[in-house]
Amino acid sequence: MSDVAYWDDQAATFDDGADHGLRDPQVRDAWRRLMLDYLPSAPAAVADLGCGTGSLSVLLAAEGYAVTGLDFSPAMVRAARRKARAAGATARFVLSDATAPNLPPASFDVVLARHVLWAMRDTNRALAAWIRLLLPGGTLVLIEGRWSTGAGLTTAEAGRAVLRQRSDASIITLDDPALWGGPVTDERYLLVSRR
C-alpha cells in the first residue's frame, strides 16, 4: 500500500484521536492556547504542512489567521475542507506533498507541521523546502515526538536537523495531559525557530 493510500484509509477515523480531531473542548482550548502563545498575532499567514483533516488549520483560521493547509492525501484534504465549511472558517487547502510543497516561496509568516517531520525520508530536504516558504523573519513551528511505539524524532534529533538550516531552535516539552486527552509517558515537544 502506498503512503497516500494508507493516509486516505486513515482519514475516516483520524479525528478519533483526541489531539487529532480536537473534538473535546478542553483539548481544543489547550491547543488554541499553545498555538497563540508561540505564533505571531493574527492575521499572520500560516502554512500548515501535512495538515491531515485540518484541525489546527480550522482552529487557527477561527482565530483570524490566514491559513493554507496542505496534505498529500486527497481524503484528508476533502475532510479538512468539510471541517472548515462546517465551522464557518476561511482556510484554503491544497493537495501537495509536504516534502516539496506546491506553495509560493517567501509567502508565509509561519510554517507549521504537526507530526510530519519524523515521516520525511529526507528531513534536511524537507526542512529546506519548508524554510523557503517563510517570509524574512518568519517562524518555523514543529510539533513532534518520539512516541512509545519507537517512531518519531527525539528532541535532540529534531533540534540538530533544524540547526543545520537555521540559527535558532527552542524546544518546549508538551507533557500537559490537556493537549492529548490524557497523560502521556513518551517524548512530545514543540520546536520553535524564529531565525
N, C-alpha and C. Protein backbone atom coordinates (compact mmCIF):
# COMPACT_ATOMS: atom_id res chain seq x y z
N MET A 1 0.85 -1.18 0.00
CA MET A 1 0.00 0.00 0.00
C MET A 1 0.90 1.25 0.00
N SER A 2 0.59 2.19 -0.84
CA SER A 2 1.38 3.42 -0.91
C SER A 2 1.09 4.30 0.31
N ASP A 3 1.98 5.26 0.55
CA ASP A 3 1.78 6.20 1.66
C ASP A 3 0.46 6.96 1.50
N VAL A 4 0.16 7.40 0.27
CA VAL A 4 -1.08 8.14 0.04
C VAL A 4 -2.29 7.26 0.34
N ALA A 5 -2.27 6.03 -0.15
CA ALA A 5 -3.39 5.11 0.10
C ALA A 5 -3.56 4.85 1.59
N TYR A 6 -2.44 4.71 2.30
CA TYR A 6 -2.52 4.49 3.75
C TYR A 6 -3.23 5.65 4.44
N TRP A 7 -2.81 6.90 4.13
CA TRP A 7 -3.42 8.06 4.79
C TRP A 7 -4.84 8.31 4.31
N ASP A 8 -5.13 7.98 3.06
CA ASP A 8 -6.53 8.05 2.61
C ASP A 8 -7.40 7.12 3.45
N ASP A 9 -6.89 5.91 3.72
CA ASP A 9 -7.64 4.96 4.55
C ASP A 9 -7.82 5.46 5.97
N GLN A 10 -6.86 6.22 6.49
CA GLN A 10 -6.91 6.73 7.86
C GLN A 10 -7.87 7.91 8.03
N ALA A 11 -8.20 8.58 6.94
CA ALA A 11 -8.96 9.84 7.02
C ALA A 11 -10.29 9.70 7.75
N ALA A 12 -11.00 8.59 7.54
CA ALA A 12 -12.33 8.44 8.13
C ALA A 12 -12.30 8.36 9.65
N THR A 13 -11.22 7.84 10.22
CA THR A 13 -11.14 7.67 11.68
C THR A 13 -10.05 8.54 12.32
N PHE A 14 -9.37 9.33 11.52
CA PHE A 14 -8.23 10.11 12.02
C PHE A 14 -8.62 11.02 13.18
N ASP A 15 -9.79 11.62 13.10
CA ASP A 15 -10.22 12.56 14.14
C ASP A 15 -10.65 11.88 15.44
N ASP A 16 -10.65 10.56 15.49
CA ASP A 16 -10.99 9.87 16.74
C ASP A 16 -9.95 10.11 17.82
N GLY A 17 -8.71 10.36 17.43
CA GLY A 17 -7.67 10.69 18.40
C GLY A 17 -7.95 12.08 18.98
N ALA A 18 -7.90 12.20 20.30
CA ALA A 18 -8.26 13.47 20.95
C ALA A 18 -7.45 14.64 20.41
N ASP A 19 -6.15 14.42 20.18
CA ASP A 19 -5.31 15.51 19.68
C ASP A 19 -5.40 15.67 18.17
N HIS A 20 -6.04 14.75 17.46
CA HIS A 20 -6.22 14.88 16.02
C HIS A 20 -7.49 15.65 15.70
N GLY A 21 -8.60 15.21 16.27
CA GLY A 21 -9.89 15.83 15.94
C GLY A 21 -10.20 17.08 16.74
N LEU A 22 -9.55 17.23 17.89
CA LEU A 22 -9.81 18.38 18.79
C LEU A 22 -11.30 18.55 19.05
N ARG A 23 -12.01 17.43 19.17
CA ARG A 23 -13.46 17.48 19.41
C ARG A 23 -13.80 17.84 20.85
N ASP A 24 -12.95 17.44 21.79
CA ASP A 24 -13.15 17.75 23.19
C ASP A 24 -12.83 19.23 23.40
N PRO A 25 -13.75 20.01 23.97
CA PRO A 25 -13.49 21.45 24.15
C PRO A 25 -12.24 21.75 24.97
N GLN A 26 -11.92 20.92 25.95
CA GLN A 26 -10.72 21.17 26.77
C GLN A 26 -9.44 20.92 25.96
N VAL A 27 -9.45 19.87 25.15
CA VAL A 27 -8.29 19.57 24.31
C VAL A 27 -8.13 20.68 23.26
N ARG A 28 -9.23 21.06 22.62
CA ARG A 28 -9.18 22.12 21.62
C ARG A 28 -8.66 23.42 22.23
N ASP A 29 -9.15 23.77 23.42
CA ASP A 29 -8.70 25.01 24.07
C ASP A 29 -7.22 24.94 24.45
N ALA A 30 -6.75 23.77 24.87
CA ALA A 30 -5.33 23.62 25.20
C ALA A 30 -4.47 23.86 23.95
N TRP A 31 -4.88 23.33 22.81
CA TRP A 31 -4.14 23.55 21.56
C TRP A 31 -4.24 25.01 21.13
N ARG A 32 -5.41 25.61 21.30
CA ARG A 32 -5.58 27.03 20.94
C ARG A 32 -4.62 27.89 21.74
N ARG A 33 -4.57 27.67 23.05
CA ARG A 33 -3.68 28.45 23.92
C ARG A 33 -2.22 28.24 23.55
N LEU A 34 -1.85 26.99 23.29
CA LEU A 34 -0.47 26.68 22.91
C LEU A 34 -0.09 27.42 21.63
N MET A 35 -0.94 27.31 20.62
CA MET A 35 -0.63 27.95 19.34
C MET A 35 -0.54 29.47 19.50
N LEU A 36 -1.47 30.07 20.20
CA LEU A 36 -1.47 31.52 20.36
C LEU A 36 -0.26 32.00 21.16
N ASP A 37 0.25 31.17 22.04
CA ASP A 37 1.45 31.53 22.81
C ASP A 37 2.70 31.62 21.94
N TYR A 38 2.76 30.85 20.85
CA TYR A 38 4.00 30.76 20.08
C TYR A 38 3.92 31.30 18.66
N LEU A 39 2.73 31.62 18.19
CA LEU A 39 2.60 32.18 16.85
C LEU A 39 2.55 33.69 16.92
N PRO A 40 2.98 34.36 15.83
CA PRO A 40 2.75 35.81 15.78
C PRO A 40 1.25 36.08 15.75
N SER A 41 0.88 37.30 16.00
CA SER A 41 -0.54 37.66 16.04
C SER A 41 -1.22 37.48 14.69
N ALA A 42 -2.50 37.16 14.74
CA ALA A 42 -3.34 37.13 13.53
C ALA A 42 -3.43 38.56 13.02
N PRO A 43 -3.49 38.72 11.72
CA PRO A 43 -3.81 37.74 10.66
C PRO A 43 -2.58 37.15 9.96
N ALA A 44 -1.56 36.78 10.69
CA ALA A 44 -0.36 36.20 10.09
C ALA A 44 -0.74 35.06 9.15
N ALA A 45 0.05 34.90 8.08
CA ALA A 45 -0.17 33.83 7.10
C ALA A 45 0.53 32.57 7.58
N VAL A 46 -0.23 31.48 7.69
CA VAL A 46 0.26 30.21 8.21
C VAL A 46 0.13 29.12 7.15
N ALA A 47 1.22 28.41 6.89
CA ALA A 47 1.18 27.20 6.06
C ALA A 47 1.20 26.02 7.01
N ASP A 48 0.12 25.24 7.03
CA ASP A 48 0.01 24.06 7.88
C ASP A 48 0.32 22.84 7.01
N LEU A 49 1.56 22.37 7.08
CA LEU A 49 2.02 21.30 6.20
C LEU A 49 1.72 19.93 6.80
N GLY A 50 1.17 19.05 5.97
CA GLY A 50 0.73 17.75 6.47
C GLY A 50 -0.45 17.95 7.40
N CYS A 51 -1.39 18.77 6.97
CA CYS A 51 -2.49 19.23 7.84
C CYS A 51 -3.49 18.14 8.20
N GLY A 52 -3.43 16.99 7.54
CA GLY A 52 -4.40 15.95 7.85
C GLY A 52 -5.82 16.44 7.62
N THR A 53 -6.68 16.21 8.58
CA THR A 53 -8.09 16.61 8.45
C THR A 53 -8.31 18.08 8.79
N GLY A 54 -7.24 18.83 8.97
CA GLY A 54 -7.35 20.27 9.10
C GLY A 54 -7.71 20.82 10.47
N SER A 55 -7.58 20.04 11.51
CA SER A 55 -8.00 20.51 12.84
C SER A 55 -7.26 21.78 13.27
N LEU A 56 -5.93 21.79 13.16
CA LEU A 56 -5.20 23.00 13.55
C LEU A 56 -5.44 24.13 12.56
N SER A 57 -5.57 23.81 11.27
CA SER A 57 -5.87 24.85 10.28
C SER A 57 -7.17 25.56 10.61
N VAL A 58 -8.19 24.80 10.90
CA VAL A 58 -9.51 25.37 11.21
C VAL A 58 -9.45 26.15 12.52
N LEU A 59 -8.77 25.60 13.51
CA LEU A 59 -8.61 26.28 14.79
C LEU A 59 -7.96 27.65 14.60
N LEU A 60 -6.90 27.70 13.81
CA LEU A 60 -6.18 28.96 13.60
C LEU A 60 -6.97 29.91 12.72
N ALA A 61 -7.66 29.39 11.71
CA ALA A 61 -8.49 30.26 10.86
C ALA A 61 -9.58 30.92 11.69
N ALA A 62 -10.14 30.18 12.65
CA ALA A 62 -11.17 30.75 13.52
C ALA A 62 -10.61 31.87 14.40
N GLU A 63 -9.30 31.87 14.62
CA GLU A 63 -8.64 32.92 15.41
C GLU A 63 -8.20 34.09 14.54
N GLY A 64 -8.50 34.03 13.24
CA GLY A 64 -8.19 35.15 12.36
C GLY A 64 -6.93 35.01 11.54
N TYR A 65 -6.26 33.85 11.60
CA TYR A 65 -5.06 33.64 10.79
C TYR A 65 -5.45 33.34 9.34
N ALA A 66 -4.58 33.70 8.42
CA ALA A 66 -4.75 33.36 7.01
C ALA A 66 -4.06 32.02 6.79
N VAL A 67 -4.83 30.94 6.77
CA VAL A 67 -4.27 29.59 6.81
C VAL A 67 -4.38 28.90 5.46
N THR A 68 -3.28 28.28 5.07
CA THR A 68 -3.26 27.37 3.94
C THR A 68 -2.82 26.02 4.47
N GLY A 69 -3.71 25.05 4.42
CA GLY A 69 -3.38 23.69 4.83
C GLY A 69 -2.97 22.88 3.62
N LEU A 70 -2.04 21.98 3.81
CA LEU A 70 -1.51 21.18 2.71
C LEU A 70 -1.38 19.74 3.16
N ASP A 71 -1.83 18.82 2.32
CA ASP A 71 -1.65 17.40 2.60
C ASP A 71 -1.59 16.65 1.28
N PHE A 72 -0.91 15.50 1.27
CA PHE A 72 -0.81 14.73 0.03
C PHE A 72 -1.90 13.68 -0.11
N SER A 73 -2.75 13.56 0.90
CA SER A 73 -3.85 12.61 0.87
C SER A 73 -5.13 13.31 0.42
N PRO A 74 -5.68 12.93 -0.74
CA PRO A 74 -6.93 13.55 -1.18
C PRO A 74 -8.06 13.41 -0.16
N ALA A 75 -8.14 12.26 0.51
CA ALA A 75 -9.20 12.07 1.50
C ALA A 75 -9.03 13.01 2.70
N MET A 76 -7.79 13.23 3.12
CA MET A 76 -7.54 14.17 4.22
C MET A 76 -7.91 15.59 3.80
N VAL A 77 -7.54 15.98 2.60
CA VAL A 77 -7.86 17.34 2.13
C VAL A 77 -9.38 17.52 2.03
N ARG A 78 -10.08 16.52 1.53
CA ARG A 78 -11.56 16.61 1.47
C ARG A 78 -12.14 16.76 2.88
N ALA A 79 -11.63 15.98 3.83
CA ALA A 79 -12.12 16.07 5.21
C ALA A 79 -11.82 17.45 5.79
N ALA A 80 -10.64 18.00 5.50
CA ALA A 80 -10.28 19.33 6.01
C ALA A 80 -11.22 20.39 5.44
N ARG A 81 -11.51 20.30 4.17
CA ARG A 81 -12.43 21.27 3.55
C ARG A 81 -13.82 21.18 4.17
N ARG A 82 -14.29 19.96 4.40
CA ARG A 82 -15.61 19.78 5.05
C ARG A 82 -15.60 20.39 6.45
N LYS A 83 -14.51 20.13 7.18
CA LYS A 83 -14.41 20.64 8.55
C LYS A 83 -14.41 22.17 8.56
N ALA A 84 -13.71 22.78 7.65
CA ALA A 84 -13.67 24.25 7.58
C ALA A 84 -15.05 24.81 7.25
N ARG A 85 -15.72 24.19 6.27
CA ARG A 85 -17.08 24.65 5.92
C ARG A 85 -18.02 24.53 7.11
N ALA A 86 -17.97 23.40 7.81
CA ALA A 86 -18.85 23.17 8.96
C ALA A 86 -18.60 24.18 10.07
N ALA A 87 -17.35 24.61 10.21
CA ALA A 87 -17.00 25.56 11.27
C ALA A 87 -17.16 27.01 10.82
N GLY A 88 -17.46 27.21 9.54
CA GLY A 88 -17.55 28.57 9.02
C GLY A 88 -16.19 29.26 9.00
N ALA A 89 -15.13 28.48 8.90
CA ALA A 89 -13.76 29.03 8.92
C ALA A 89 -13.24 29.19 7.49
N THR A 90 -12.53 30.26 7.27
CA THR A 90 -11.94 30.51 5.96
C THR A 90 -10.50 30.01 5.97
N ALA A 91 -10.30 28.86 5.40
CA ALA A 91 -8.96 28.29 5.25
C ALA A 91 -8.90 27.67 3.87
N ARG A 92 -7.74 27.72 3.28
CA ARG A 92 -7.53 27.14 1.95
C ARG A 92 -6.78 25.83 2.13
N PHE A 93 -7.14 24.83 1.35
CA PHE A 93 -6.48 23.53 1.44
C PHE A 93 -5.97 23.12 0.07
N VAL A 94 -4.72 22.66 0.05
CA VAL A 94 -4.00 22.34 -1.18
C VAL A 94 -3.55 20.88 -1.12
N LEU A 95 -3.72 20.18 -2.24
CA LEU A 95 -3.23 18.82 -2.35
C LEU A 95 -1.79 18.87 -2.85
N SER A 96 -0.85 18.51 -2.00
CA SER A 96 0.57 18.54 -2.35
C SER A 96 1.35 17.76 -1.30
N ASP A 97 2.51 17.30 -1.69
CA ASP A 97 3.39 16.56 -0.78
C ASP A 97 4.18 17.55 0.07
N ALA A 98 4.23 17.31 1.37
CA ALA A 98 4.96 18.20 2.28
C ALA A 98 6.46 18.18 2.02
N THR A 99 6.96 17.15 1.37
CA THR A 99 8.39 17.10 1.05
C THR A 99 8.78 18.24 0.12
N ALA A 100 7.91 18.56 -0.84
CA ALA A 100 8.15 19.64 -1.80
C ALA A 100 6.84 20.40 -1.97
N PRO A 101 6.48 21.22 -0.98
CA PRO A 101 5.17 21.87 -1.01
C PRO A 101 4.96 22.77 -2.22
N ASN A 102 3.82 22.60 -2.85
CA ASN A 102 3.46 23.41 -4.01
C ASN A 102 2.81 24.71 -3.52
N LEU A 103 3.63 25.53 -2.88
CA LEU A 103 3.20 26.82 -2.35
C LEU A 103 4.25 27.86 -2.74
N PRO A 104 3.84 29.13 -2.85
CA PRO A 104 4.81 30.14 -3.26
C PRO A 104 5.87 30.41 -2.19
N PRO A 105 7.13 30.53 -2.61
CA PRO A 105 8.19 30.82 -1.63
C PRO A 105 8.02 32.20 -1.02
N ALA A 106 8.60 32.36 0.17
CA ALA A 106 8.61 33.64 0.88
C ALA A 106 7.22 34.26 0.97
N SER A 107 6.23 33.44 1.36
CA SER A 107 4.84 33.90 1.42
C SER A 107 4.17 33.73 2.77
N PHE A 108 4.85 33.12 3.73
CA PHE A 108 4.19 32.79 4.99
C PHE A 108 4.97 33.32 6.19
N ASP A 109 4.22 33.81 7.17
CA ASP A 109 4.82 34.24 8.43
C ASP A 109 5.19 33.03 9.28
N VAL A 110 4.42 31.95 9.11
CA VAL A 110 4.61 30.74 9.92
C VAL A 110 4.52 29.52 9.02
N VAL A 111 5.43 28.59 9.20
CA VAL A 111 5.28 27.25 8.66
C VAL A 111 5.11 26.34 9.85
N LEU A 112 3.97 25.65 9.88
CA LEU A 112 3.58 24.76 10.97
C LEU A 112 3.51 23.34 10.44
N ALA A 113 4.08 22.41 11.18
CA ALA A 113 3.96 20.99 10.82
C ALA A 113 3.82 20.19 12.11
N ARG A 114 2.73 19.47 12.20
CA ARG A 114 2.48 18.65 13.40
C ARG A 114 2.59 17.17 13.03
N HIS A 115 3.55 16.51 13.65
CA HIS A 115 3.78 15.07 13.45
C HIS A 115 4.04 14.75 11.98
N VAL A 116 4.88 15.57 11.36
CA VAL A 116 5.18 15.39 9.94
C VAL A 116 6.67 15.18 9.69
N LEU A 117 7.52 15.95 10.35
CA LEU A 117 8.96 15.87 10.07
C LEU A 117 9.49 14.45 10.25
N TRP A 118 9.04 13.76 11.28
CA TRP A 118 9.55 12.41 11.55
C TRP A 118 9.27 11.46 10.39
N ALA A 119 8.22 11.75 9.60
CA ALA A 119 7.83 10.86 8.50
C ALA A 119 8.54 11.19 7.19
N MET A 120 9.31 12.26 7.15
CA MET A 120 10.01 12.65 5.93
C MET A 120 11.22 11.74 5.71
N ARG A 121 11.36 11.27 4.49
CA ARG A 121 12.51 10.40 4.18
C ARG A 121 13.82 11.16 4.28
N ASP A 122 13.79 12.45 3.93
CA ASP A 122 14.99 13.29 3.99
C ASP A 122 14.61 14.56 4.76
N THR A 123 14.88 14.56 6.06
CA THR A 123 14.46 15.70 6.89
C THR A 123 15.16 16.99 6.48
N ASN A 124 16.41 16.90 6.04
CA ASN A 124 17.12 18.11 5.61
C ASN A 124 16.45 18.74 4.39
N ARG A 125 16.13 17.92 3.43
CA ARG A 125 15.47 18.41 2.21
C ARG A 125 14.10 19.01 2.54
N ALA A 126 13.34 18.32 3.37
CA ALA A 126 12.01 18.82 3.74
C ALA A 126 12.12 20.15 4.47
N LEU A 127 13.00 20.23 5.46
CA LEU A 127 13.15 21.48 6.21
C LEU A 127 13.59 22.63 5.31
N ALA A 128 14.51 22.37 4.40
CA ALA A 128 14.95 23.42 3.48
C ALA A 128 13.78 23.93 2.64
N ALA A 129 12.92 23.01 2.17
CA ALA A 129 11.75 23.39 1.39
C ALA A 129 10.77 24.19 2.25
N TRP A 130 10.59 23.79 3.49
CA TRP A 130 9.66 24.49 4.38
C TRP A 130 10.16 25.90 4.69
N ILE A 131 11.45 26.01 4.95
CA ILE A 131 12.02 27.32 5.30
C ILE A 131 11.94 28.28 4.12
N ARG A 132 12.04 27.76 2.90
CA ARG A 132 11.90 28.62 1.72
C ARG A 132 10.52 29.27 1.64
N LEU A 133 9.53 28.69 2.28
CA LEU A 133 8.17 29.26 2.26
C LEU A 133 8.04 30.48 3.16
N LEU A 134 8.98 30.63 4.10
CA LEU A 134 8.87 31.70 5.09
C LEU A 134 9.27 33.06 4.55
N LEU A 135 8.53 34.06 4.98
CA LEU A 135 8.92 35.45 4.76
C LEU A 135 10.15 35.73 5.62
N PRO A 136 10.94 36.77 5.33
CA PRO A 136 12.04 37.12 6.22
C PRO A 136 11.52 37.33 7.65
N GLY A 137 12.21 36.74 8.60
CA GLY A 137 11.78 36.83 9.99
C GLY A 137 10.67 35.86 10.35
N GLY A 138 10.33 34.95 9.43
CA GLY A 138 9.24 34.01 9.68
C GLY A 138 9.59 32.96 10.72
N THR A 139 8.55 32.30 11.23
CA THR A 139 8.67 31.34 12.33
C THR A 139 8.35 29.92 11.85
N LEU A 140 9.25 29.00 12.17
CA LEU A 140 9.02 27.58 11.92
C LEU A 140 8.53 26.96 13.22
N VAL A 141 7.40 26.26 13.17
CA VAL A 141 6.81 25.64 14.35
C VAL A 141 6.59 24.16 14.05
N LEU A 142 7.29 23.32 14.79
CA LEU A 142 7.17 21.87 14.62
C LEU A 142 6.64 21.25 15.90
N ILE A 143 5.66 20.40 15.77
CA ILE A 143 5.15 19.61 16.89
C ILE A 143 5.53 18.17 16.57
N GLU A 144 6.41 17.62 17.38
CA GLU A 144 6.94 16.30 17.10
C GLU A 144 7.02 15.48 18.37
N GLY A 145 7.56 14.30 18.26
CA GLY A 145 7.73 13.45 19.42
C GLY A 145 8.50 12.20 19.08
N ARG A 146 8.87 11.52 20.11
CA ARG A 146 9.42 10.16 20.00
C ARG A 146 8.45 9.32 20.81
N TRP A 147 7.55 8.64 20.10
CA TRP A 147 6.43 8.00 20.73
C TRP A 147 6.77 6.62 21.28
N SER A 148 5.89 6.12 22.12
CA SER A 148 6.10 4.84 22.78
C SER A 148 6.25 3.69 21.78
N THR A 149 5.80 3.89 20.55
CA THR A 149 5.95 2.87 19.51
C THR A 149 7.38 2.77 18.99
N GLY A 150 8.20 3.78 19.33
CA GLY A 150 9.57 3.85 18.81
C GLY A 150 9.68 4.74 17.59
N ALA A 151 8.57 5.15 17.03
CA ALA A 151 8.58 6.06 15.88
C ALA A 151 8.81 7.49 16.36
N GLY A 152 9.23 8.32 15.45
CA GLY A 152 9.37 9.74 15.75
C GLY A 152 10.82 10.18 15.85
N LEU A 153 10.99 11.42 16.30
CA LEU A 153 12.31 12.03 16.46
C LEU A 153 12.46 12.49 17.90
N THR A 154 13.62 12.27 18.47
CA THR A 154 13.89 12.81 19.80
C THR A 154 14.06 14.33 19.68
N THR A 155 14.03 15.02 20.82
CA THR A 155 14.26 16.47 20.79
C THR A 155 15.64 16.77 20.22
N ALA A 156 16.62 15.96 20.58
CA ALA A 156 17.98 16.19 20.08
C ALA A 156 18.04 16.04 18.57
N GLU A 157 17.40 15.01 18.03
CA GLU A 157 17.41 14.79 16.58
C GLU A 157 16.73 15.94 15.84
N ALA A 158 15.57 16.35 16.32
CA ALA A 158 14.85 17.45 15.67
C ALA A 158 15.62 18.75 15.79
N GLY A 159 16.17 18.99 16.97
CA GLY A 159 16.94 20.22 17.17
C GLY A 159 18.13 20.30 16.24
N ARG A 160 18.87 19.19 16.12
CA ARG A 160 20.02 19.17 15.21
C ARG A 160 19.60 19.41 13.76
N ALA A 161 18.50 18.79 13.35
CA ALA A 161 18.02 18.96 11.98
C ALA A 161 17.69 20.42 11.68
N VAL A 162 17.02 21.08 12.60
CA VAL A 162 16.66 22.49 12.39
C VAL A 162 17.90 23.37 12.43
N LEU A 163 18.82 23.10 13.35
CA LEU A 163 20.01 23.93 13.47
C LEU A 163 20.96 23.78 12.27
N ARG A 164 20.78 22.77 11.46
CA ARG A 164 21.54 22.69 10.21
C ARG A 164 21.03 23.71 9.19
N GLN A 165 19.80 24.20 9.41
CA GLN A 165 19.16 25.12 8.46
C GLN A 165 19.04 26.55 9.00
N ARG A 166 18.92 26.66 10.33
CA ARG A 166 18.66 27.96 10.96
C ARG A 166 19.52 28.09 12.20
N SER A 167 19.56 29.30 12.76
CA SER A 167 20.44 29.53 13.92
C SER A 167 19.72 29.39 15.26
N ASP A 168 18.44 29.10 15.25
CA ASP A 168 17.65 29.10 16.48
C ASP A 168 16.71 27.90 16.49
N ALA A 169 16.64 27.21 17.62
CA ALA A 169 15.69 26.10 17.79
C ALA A 169 15.39 25.97 19.28
N SER A 170 14.24 26.49 19.68
CA SER A 170 13.80 26.38 21.07
C SER A 170 12.83 25.23 21.20
N ILE A 171 13.03 24.40 22.22
CA ILE A 171 12.19 23.22 22.41
C ILE A 171 11.42 23.33 23.71
N ILE A 172 10.12 23.09 23.61
CA ILE A 172 9.22 23.16 24.76
C ILE A 172 8.57 21.78 24.91
N THR A 173 8.69 21.19 26.08
CA THR A 173 8.09 19.88 26.35
C THR A 173 6.57 20.02 26.38
N LEU A 174 5.89 19.08 25.71
CA LEU A 174 4.43 19.08 25.67
C LEU A 174 3.90 17.89 26.45
N ASP A 175 3.98 17.98 27.77
CA ASP A 175 3.53 16.87 28.61
C ASP A 175 2.21 17.17 29.32
N ASP A 176 1.55 18.28 28.97
CA ASP A 176 0.26 18.63 29.57
C ASP A 176 -0.80 17.65 29.07
N PRO A 177 -1.42 16.87 29.96
CA PRO A 177 -2.44 15.90 29.52
C PRO A 177 -3.60 16.55 28.76
N ALA A 178 -3.86 17.83 29.01
CA ALA A 178 -4.96 18.51 28.32
C ALA A 178 -4.75 18.54 26.81
N LEU A 179 -3.50 18.53 26.35
CA LEU A 179 -3.22 18.55 24.92
C LEU A 179 -3.55 17.22 24.24
N TRP A 180 -3.48 16.15 24.99
CA TRP A 180 -3.55 14.82 24.40
C TRP A 180 -4.81 14.05 24.80
N GLY A 181 -5.62 14.63 25.66
CA GLY A 181 -6.81 13.93 26.13
C GLY A 181 -6.51 12.95 27.23
N GLY A 182 -5.33 13.04 27.83
CA GLY A 182 -4.92 12.16 28.92
C GLY A 182 -3.42 12.22 29.09
N PRO A 183 -2.91 11.57 30.14
CA PRO A 183 -1.47 11.61 30.39
C PRO A 183 -0.67 10.91 29.30
N VAL A 184 0.56 11.38 29.11
CA VAL A 184 1.47 10.75 28.15
C VAL A 184 2.77 10.40 28.87
N THR A 185 3.41 9.35 28.42
CA THR A 185 4.67 8.94 29.04
C THR A 185 5.82 8.99 28.04
N ASP A 186 5.52 9.31 26.80
CA ASP A 186 6.59 9.38 25.81
C ASP A 186 7.01 10.84 25.61
N GLU A 187 7.92 11.07 24.68
CA GLU A 187 8.51 12.39 24.47
C GLU A 187 7.72 13.15 23.41
N ARG A 188 7.10 14.27 23.81
CA ARG A 188 6.34 15.11 22.88
C ARG A 188 6.77 16.55 23.11
N TYR A 189 6.92 17.29 22.03
CA TYR A 189 7.50 18.62 22.18
C TYR A 189 7.10 19.54 21.04
N LEU A 190 7.31 20.81 21.30
CA LEU A 190 7.13 21.88 20.33
C LEU A 190 8.51 22.46 20.05
N LEU A 191 8.86 22.60 18.79
CA LEU A 191 10.12 23.22 18.42
C LEU A 191 9.78 24.50 17.66
N VAL A 192 10.32 25.62 18.13
CA VAL A 192 10.07 26.92 17.50
C VAL A 192 11.40 27.49 17.07
N SER A 193 11.46 27.89 15.80
CA SER A 193 12.67 28.52 15.26
C SER A 193 12.27 29.84 14.60
N ARG A 194 12.81 30.91 15.12
CA ARG A 194 12.47 32.25 14.62
C ARG A 194 13.53 32.85 13.70
N ARG A 195 14.69 32.21 13.59
CA ARG A 195 15.74 32.74 12.69
C ARG A 195 16.72 31.63 12.30
